[in-house]
Amino acid sequence: MNTPSKIASLAMLQALANYLDQGSSNATLIFYDDAKPPTVNENADNSARLLTVNLPKPCLKSVNENNIELFAPNTGIATKTGTATWARFFNGEGLAVFDVTVGTDIVLDNADLVIGSSVKLDVIYLVPQI
């Protein structure tokens, strides 16, 4: 695939944020403690689900020079104990949009979650892959 310019990549990420907002519900980010599936088209193992956070609607906060920023999601409560290894974004229609790897694509203060603990993400930046 051809690599788009940074400006075009930021526009694509802005369109992605708008796609996250589609649907009657809010977009969600769900963290899992198992191996990330090879593609977003493969279903996640619901027994590996650790935490769900809801993004505000609209979720796009700003388009910056090198990234886009999403509004911070609400605080989530861990539903089981485990180490978050990856997460999946779902749009407001409940459709899987993209996956991220914890520690590489998304950083948590502590990836080791304990059932009943609250988790707050301060910010989400999406950076173009250029």
N, C-alpha and C. Protein backbone atom coordinates (compact mmCIF):
# COMPACT_ATOMS: atom_id res chain seq x y z
N MET A 1 0.85 -1.18 0.00
CA MET A 1 0.00 0.00 0.00
C MET A 1 0.89 1.24 0.00
N ASN A 2 0.44 2.25 -0.67
CA ASN A 2 1.15 3.52 -0.67
C ASN A 2 0.95 4.19 0.67
N THR A 3 1.97 4.89 1.12
CA THR A 3 1.89 5.59 2.39
C THR A 3 1.38 7.00 2.14
N PRO A 4 0.25 7.37 2.75
CA PRO A 4 -0.27 8.73 2.55
C PRO A 4 0.57 9.75 3.31
N SER A 5 0.39 11.00 2.95
CA SER A 5 1.08 12.08 3.65
C SER A 5 0.57 12.17 5.09
N LYS A 6 1.30 12.90 5.92
CA LYS A 6 0.88 13.06 7.32
C LYS A 6 -0.47 13.76 7.40
N ILE A 7 -0.69 14.77 6.57
CA ILE A 7 -1.97 15.49 6.59
C ILE A 7 -3.10 14.55 6.19
N ALA A 8 -2.88 13.75 5.16
CA ALA A 8 -3.90 12.79 4.73
C ALA A 8 -4.13 11.74 5.81
N SER A 9 -3.05 11.30 6.47
CA SER A 9 -3.18 10.30 7.54
C SER A 9 -3.99 10.85 8.71
N LEU A 10 -3.76 12.11 9.06
CA LEU A 10 -4.54 12.73 10.14
C LEU A 10 -6.01 12.84 9.75
N ALA A 11 -6.28 13.16 8.49
CA ALA A 11 -7.67 13.22 8.01
C ALA A 11 -8.32 11.84 8.09
N MET A 12 -7.56 10.80 7.78
CA MET A 12 -8.08 9.43 7.87
C MET A 12 -8.39 9.07 9.33
N LEU A 13 -7.52 9.48 10.24
CA LEU A 13 -7.77 9.21 11.66
C LEU A 13 -8.99 9.99 12.15
N GLN A 14 -9.18 11.20 11.65
CA GLN A 14 -10.36 11.98 12.01
C GLN A 14 -11.62 11.26 11.52
N ALA A 15 -11.58 10.71 10.32
CA ALA A 15 -12.71 9.94 9.79
C ALA A 15 -12.94 8.69 10.64
N LEU A 16 -11.86 8.08 11.11
CA LEU A 16 -11.97 6.91 11.99
C LEU A 16 -12.69 7.29 13.29
N ALA A 17 -12.34 8.43 13.85
CA ALA A 17 -13.00 8.88 15.08
C ALA A 17 -14.49 9.12 14.82
N ASN A 18 -14.82 9.69 13.68
CA ASN A 18 -16.23 9.88 13.33
C ASN A 18 -16.95 8.55 13.19
N TYR A 19 -16.26 7.55 12.64
CA TYR A 19 -16.83 6.21 12.51
C TYR A 19 -17.06 5.58 13.89
N LEU A 20 -16.17 5.85 14.84
CA LEU A 20 -16.37 5.34 16.20
C LEU A 20 -17.68 5.87 16.79
N ASP A 21 -18.05 7.09 16.44
CA ASP A 21 -19.26 7.70 16.98
C ASP A 21 -20.55 7.18 16.35
N GLN A 22 -20.46 6.49 15.22
CA GLN A 22 -21.67 6.01 14.55
C GLN A 22 -22.43 5.03 15.43
N GLY A 23 -23.75 5.13 15.38
CA GLY A 23 -24.60 4.23 16.15
C GLY A 23 -25.26 4.96 17.31
N SER A 24 -26.21 4.29 17.93
CA SER A 24 -26.97 4.92 19.00
C SER A 24 -26.27 4.87 20.35
N SER A 25 -25.28 4.01 20.49
CA SER A 25 -24.52 3.91 21.74
C SER A 25 -23.19 4.63 21.61
N ASN A 26 -22.48 4.70 22.70
CA ASN A 26 -21.13 5.27 22.68
C ASN A 26 -20.13 4.21 22.22
N ALA A 27 -19.02 4.66 21.66
CA ALA A 27 -17.93 3.76 21.33
C ALA A 27 -17.36 3.20 22.63
N THR A 28 -16.80 2.00 22.55
CA THR A 28 -16.20 1.37 23.73
C THR A 28 -14.79 0.90 23.41
N LEU A 29 -14.02 0.77 24.46
CA LEU A 29 -12.67 0.21 24.40
C LEU A 29 -12.65 -0.91 25.42
N ILE A 30 -12.41 -2.14 24.94
CA ILE A 30 -12.44 -3.32 25.81
C ILE A 30 -11.04 -3.91 25.87
N PHE A 31 -10.56 -4.15 27.10
CA PHE A 31 -9.24 -4.73 27.34
C PHE A 31 -9.37 -6.22 27.61
N TYR A 32 -8.39 -7.00 27.11
CA TYR A 32 -8.39 -8.46 27.23
C TYR A 32 -7.04 -8.92 27.77
N ASP A 33 -7.04 -10.16 28.34
CA ASP A 33 -5.79 -10.70 28.90
C ASP A 33 -5.25 -11.91 28.14
N ASP A 34 -5.71 -12.12 26.92
CA ASP A 34 -5.22 -13.26 26.14
C ASP A 34 -4.44 -12.75 24.93
N ALA A 35 -4.15 -13.61 23.99
CA ALA A 35 -3.43 -13.22 22.78
C ALA A 35 -4.36 -12.47 21.84
N LYS A 36 -3.86 -11.40 21.26
CA LYS A 36 -4.65 -10.61 20.32
C LYS A 36 -4.89 -11.43 19.06
N PRO A 37 -6.13 -11.48 18.58
CA PRO A 37 -6.40 -12.19 17.32
C PRO A 37 -5.61 -11.58 16.17
N PRO A 38 -5.32 -12.37 15.14
CA PRO A 38 -4.54 -11.87 14.00
C PRO A 38 -5.20 -10.69 13.28
N THR A 39 -6.52 -10.66 13.26
CA THR A 39 -7.24 -9.56 12.60
C THR A 39 -8.41 -9.14 13.45
N VAL A 40 -8.87 -7.92 13.22
CA VAL A 40 -10.04 -7.39 13.94
C VAL A 40 -11.32 -8.13 13.53
N ASN A 41 -11.27 -8.87 12.43
CA ASN A 41 -12.44 -9.61 11.96
C ASN A 41 -12.69 -10.88 12.75
N GLU A 42 -11.71 -11.29 13.54
CA GLU A 42 -11.90 -12.48 14.38
C GLU A 42 -12.47 -12.05 15.73
N ASN A 43 -13.45 -12.81 16.20
CA ASN A 43 -14.08 -12.49 17.47
C ASN A 43 -13.09 -12.62 18.62
N ALA A 44 -13.25 -11.71 19.57
CA ALA A 44 -12.45 -11.77 20.80
C ALA A 44 -13.07 -12.81 21.72
N ASP A 45 -12.25 -13.39 22.58
CA ASP A 45 -12.71 -14.36 23.57
C ASP A 45 -13.31 -13.59 24.75
N ASN A 46 -14.63 -13.65 24.90
CA ASN A 46 -15.29 -12.89 25.97
C ASN A 46 -14.85 -13.31 27.36
N SER A 47 -14.34 -14.53 27.52
CA SER A 47 -13.87 -14.95 28.84
C SER A 47 -12.55 -14.26 29.20
N ALA A 48 -11.89 -13.63 28.23
CA ALA A 48 -10.63 -12.92 28.46
C ALA A 48 -10.86 -11.43 28.72
N ARG A 49 -12.10 -10.99 28.72
CA ARG A 49 -12.44 -9.58 28.90
C ARG A 49 -12.14 -9.15 30.34
N LEU A 50 -11.37 -8.07 30.46
CA LEU A 50 -11.00 -7.54 31.78
C LEU A 50 -11.73 -6.25 32.14
N LEU A 51 -11.90 -5.38 31.16
CA LEU A 51 -12.34 -4.02 31.45
C LEU A 51 -12.98 -3.42 30.21
N THR A 52 -14.07 -2.69 30.42
CA THR A 52 -14.71 -1.94 29.35
C THR A 52 -14.83 -0.49 29.78
N VAL A 53 -14.43 0.42 28.89
CA VAL A 53 -14.63 1.85 29.13
C VAL A 53 -15.41 2.42 27.95
N ASN A 54 -16.28 3.37 28.24
CA ASN A 54 -17.09 4.03 27.22
C ASN A 54 -16.48 5.37 26.87
N LEU A 55 -16.36 5.62 25.58
CA LEU A 55 -15.87 6.91 25.12
C LEU A 55 -17.03 7.90 25.06
N PRO A 56 -16.77 9.18 25.32
CA PRO A 56 -17.82 10.19 25.16
C PRO A 56 -18.24 10.29 23.70
N LYS A 57 -19.38 10.90 23.48
CA LYS A 57 -19.86 11.09 22.13
C LYS A 57 -20.10 12.58 21.93
N PRO A 58 -19.45 13.27 21.06
CA PRO A 58 -18.45 12.75 20.13
C PRO A 58 -17.15 12.43 20.86
N CYS A 59 -16.37 11.53 20.28
CA CYS A 59 -15.13 11.10 20.94
C CYS A 59 -13.92 11.93 20.51
N LEU A 60 -14.00 12.63 19.38
CA LEU A 60 -12.88 13.41 18.88
C LEU A 60 -12.76 14.72 19.65
N LYS A 61 -11.61 14.90 20.28
CA LYS A 61 -11.35 16.14 21.03
C LYS A 61 -10.62 17.16 20.15
N SER A 62 -9.54 16.73 19.49
CA SER A 62 -8.79 17.67 18.66
C SER A 62 -7.94 16.95 17.63
N VAL A 63 -7.65 17.68 16.56
CA VAL A 63 -6.71 17.22 15.55
C VAL A 63 -5.46 18.06 15.75
N ASN A 64 -4.36 17.40 16.08
CA ASN A 64 -3.10 18.08 16.38
C ASN A 64 -2.12 17.91 15.23
N GLU A 65 -0.96 18.48 15.35
CA GLU A 65 0.04 18.43 14.28
C GLU A 65 0.50 17.00 13.98
N ASN A 66 0.61 16.15 15.02
CA ASN A 66 1.16 14.80 14.82
C ASN A 66 0.21 13.68 15.25
N ASN A 67 -1.00 14.01 15.68
CA ASN A 67 -1.94 12.98 16.15
C ASN A 67 -3.33 13.57 16.25
N ILE A 68 -4.28 12.69 16.56
CA ILE A 68 -5.59 13.18 16.97
C ILE A 68 -5.77 12.75 18.42
N GLU A 69 -6.52 13.54 19.15
CA GLU A 69 -6.78 13.24 20.55
C GLU A 69 -8.26 12.95 20.74
N LEU A 70 -8.54 11.86 21.42
CA LEU A 70 -9.91 11.53 21.78
C LEU A 70 -10.16 12.00 23.20
N PHE A 71 -11.41 12.35 23.50
CA PHE A 71 -11.76 12.69 24.86
C PHE A 71 -11.52 11.48 25.76
N ALA A 72 -11.14 11.74 26.98
CA ALA A 72 -10.90 10.65 27.94
C ALA A 72 -12.20 9.89 28.17
N PRO A 73 -12.12 8.56 28.19
CA PRO A 73 -13.32 7.77 28.46
C PRO A 73 -13.69 7.82 29.94
N ASN A 74 -14.87 7.30 30.23
CA ASN A 74 -15.29 7.23 31.63
C ASN A 74 -14.42 6.23 32.39
N THR A 75 -14.50 6.27 33.69
CA THR A 75 -13.79 5.30 34.52
C THR A 75 -14.47 3.95 34.36
N GLY A 76 -13.67 2.91 34.20
CA GLY A 76 -14.20 1.56 34.08
C GLY A 76 -13.84 0.74 35.31
N ILE A 77 -14.60 -0.30 35.56
CA ILE A 77 -14.36 -1.20 36.69
C ILE A 77 -13.94 -2.56 36.12
N ALA A 78 -12.78 -3.05 36.57
CA ALA A 78 -12.29 -4.35 36.10
C ALA A 78 -13.27 -5.45 36.52
N THR A 79 -13.62 -6.30 35.56
CA THR A 79 -14.59 -7.36 35.82
C THR A 79 -13.92 -8.69 36.18
N LYS A 80 -12.59 -8.73 36.07
CA LYS A 80 -11.82 -9.90 36.50
C LYS A 80 -10.38 -9.48 36.71
N THR A 81 -9.61 -10.31 37.34
CA THR A 81 -8.19 -10.05 37.59
C THR A 81 -7.36 -10.63 36.45
N GLY A 82 -6.40 -9.85 35.97
CA GLY A 82 -5.52 -10.33 34.91
C GLY A 82 -4.65 -9.20 34.39
N THR A 83 -3.76 -9.53 33.47
CA THR A 83 -2.88 -8.54 32.86
C THR A 83 -3.41 -8.20 31.47
N ALA A 84 -3.72 -6.94 31.25
CA ALA A 84 -4.21 -6.48 29.95
C ALA A 84 -3.08 -6.59 28.93
N THR A 85 -3.35 -7.31 27.84
CA THR A 85 -2.34 -7.48 26.80
C THR A 85 -2.73 -6.78 25.50
N TRP A 86 -4.03 -6.59 25.30
CA TRP A 86 -4.49 -5.91 24.10
C TRP A 86 -5.88 -5.35 24.36
N ALA A 87 -6.34 -4.50 23.43
CA ALA A 87 -7.67 -3.90 23.56
C ALA A 87 -8.27 -3.72 22.17
N ARG A 88 -9.59 -3.67 22.13
CA ARG A 88 -10.32 -3.50 20.87
C ARG A 88 -11.29 -2.33 21.01
N PHE A 89 -11.28 -1.46 20.00
CA PHE A 89 -12.25 -0.38 19.91
C PHE A 89 -13.47 -0.87 19.15
N PHE A 90 -14.65 -0.54 19.68
CA PHE A 90 -15.92 -0.83 19.02
C PHE A 90 -16.64 0.49 18.81
N ASN A 91 -17.32 0.62 17.68
CA ASN A 91 -18.07 1.85 17.47
C ASN A 91 -19.43 1.78 18.18
N GLY A 92 -20.21 2.83 18.04
CA GLY A 92 -21.51 2.93 18.72
C GLY A 92 -22.54 1.93 18.23
N GLU A 93 -22.24 1.23 17.15
CA GLU A 93 -23.10 0.16 16.65
C GLU A 93 -22.65 -1.20 17.17
N GLY A 94 -21.55 -1.22 17.94
CA GLY A 94 -21.01 -2.48 18.46
C GLY A 94 -20.13 -3.22 17.48
N LEU A 95 -19.71 -2.56 16.40
CA LEU A 95 -18.85 -3.20 15.41
C LEU A 95 -17.38 -3.00 15.78
N ALA A 96 -16.59 -4.07 15.67
CA ALA A 96 -15.16 -3.98 15.94
C ALA A 96 -14.51 -3.08 14.90
N VAL A 97 -13.66 -2.15 15.38
CA VAL A 97 -13.04 -1.17 14.48
C VAL A 97 -11.54 -1.41 14.35
N PHE A 98 -10.81 -1.46 15.46
CA PHE A 98 -9.38 -1.76 15.40
C PHE A 98 -8.88 -2.22 16.76
N ASP A 99 -7.75 -2.94 16.71
CA ASP A 99 -7.12 -3.49 17.91
C ASP A 99 -5.83 -2.75 18.21
N VAL A 100 -5.48 -2.70 19.49
CA VAL A 100 -4.22 -2.10 19.93
C VAL A 100 -3.54 -3.05 20.92
N THR A 101 -2.21 -2.98 20.96
CA THR A 101 -1.43 -3.78 21.88
C THR A 101 -1.08 -2.94 23.10
N VAL A 102 -1.34 -3.47 24.29
CA VAL A 102 -1.01 -2.76 25.52
C VAL A 102 0.51 -2.75 25.68
N GLY A 103 1.05 -1.60 26.01
CA GLY A 103 2.49 -1.44 26.18
C GLY A 103 3.17 -0.92 24.94
N THR A 104 2.53 -1.08 23.77
CA THR A 104 3.09 -0.60 22.51
C THR A 104 2.21 0.50 21.93
N ASP A 105 0.96 0.14 21.64
CA ASP A 105 0.02 1.08 21.03
C ASP A 105 -0.74 1.90 22.07
N ILE A 106 -0.91 1.34 23.23
CA ILE A 106 -1.64 2.00 24.31
C ILE A 106 -0.90 1.69 25.61
N VAL A 107 -0.75 2.70 26.44
CA VAL A 107 0.02 2.55 27.67
C VAL A 107 -0.91 2.78 28.87
N LEU A 108 -0.90 1.82 29.77
CA LEU A 108 -1.63 1.94 31.03
C LEU A 108 -0.64 2.17 32.15
N ASP A 109 -1.04 2.89 33.18
CA ASP A 109 -0.15 3.05 34.34
C ASP A 109 0.22 1.69 34.91
N ASN A 110 -0.75 0.78 34.90
CA ASN A 110 -0.52 -0.58 35.40
C ASN A 110 -1.42 -1.52 34.60
N ALA A 111 -0.83 -2.41 33.84
CA ALA A 111 -1.60 -3.36 33.02
C ALA A 111 -2.15 -4.51 33.85
N ASP A 112 -1.69 -4.65 35.10
CA ASP A 112 -2.19 -5.71 35.99
C ASP A 112 -3.45 -5.20 36.68
N LEU A 113 -4.60 -5.71 36.24
CA LEU A 113 -5.88 -5.25 36.76
C LEU A 113 -6.42 -6.23 37.79
N VAL A 114 -7.08 -5.70 38.80
CA VAL A 114 -7.65 -6.50 39.86
C VAL A 114 -9.16 -6.31 39.82
N ILE A 115 -9.90 -7.41 39.90
CA ILE A 115 -11.35 -7.34 39.84
C ILE A 115 -11.87 -6.30 40.84
N GLY A 116 -12.77 -5.46 40.36
CA GLY A 116 -13.37 -4.43 41.19
C GLY A 116 -12.60 -3.12 41.23
N SER A 117 -11.38 -3.10 40.70
CA SER A 117 -10.60 -1.86 40.72
C SER A 117 -11.08 -0.92 39.62
N SER A 118 -10.97 0.37 39.87
CA SER A 118 -11.37 1.35 38.86
C SER A 118 -10.15 1.76 38.04
N VAL A 119 -10.39 1.96 36.75
CA VAL A 119 -9.33 2.32 35.82
C VAL A 119 -9.80 3.55 35.05
N LYS A 120 -8.95 4.56 35.03
CA LYS A 120 -9.26 5.81 34.32
C LYS A 120 -8.15 6.09 33.32
N LEU A 121 -8.50 6.25 32.07
CA LEU A 121 -7.55 6.66 31.04
C LEU A 121 -7.60 8.19 30.96
N ASP A 122 -6.45 8.82 31.05
CA ASP A 122 -6.40 10.29 31.02
C ASP A 122 -6.56 10.84 29.61
N VAL A 123 -6.02 10.12 28.64
CA VAL A 123 -6.03 10.61 27.28
C VAL A 123 -5.84 9.44 26.32
N ILE A 124 -6.38 9.59 25.12
CA ILE A 124 -6.13 8.64 24.04
C ILE A 124 -5.68 9.43 22.83
N TYR A 125 -4.47 9.15 22.37
CA TYR A 125 -3.94 9.75 21.13
C TYR A 125 -3.90 8.68 20.07
N LEU A 126 -4.32 9.01 18.87
CA LEU A 126 -4.14 8.13 17.72
C LEU A 126 -3.12 8.80 16.80
N VAL A 127 -2.07 8.03 16.48
CA VAL A 127 -0.94 8.56 15.72
C VAL A 127 -0.91 7.91 14.36
N PRO A 128 -0.72 8.69 13.29
CA PRO A 128 -0.66 8.09 11.94
C PRO A 128 0.52 7.14 11.82
N GLN A 129 0.33 6.10 11.07
CA GLN A 129 1.38 5.10 10.80
C GLN A 129 2.11 5.50 9.53
N ILE A 130 2.96 6.52 9.62
CA ILE A 130 3.69 6.99 8.43
C ILE A 130 5.17 6.83 8.64
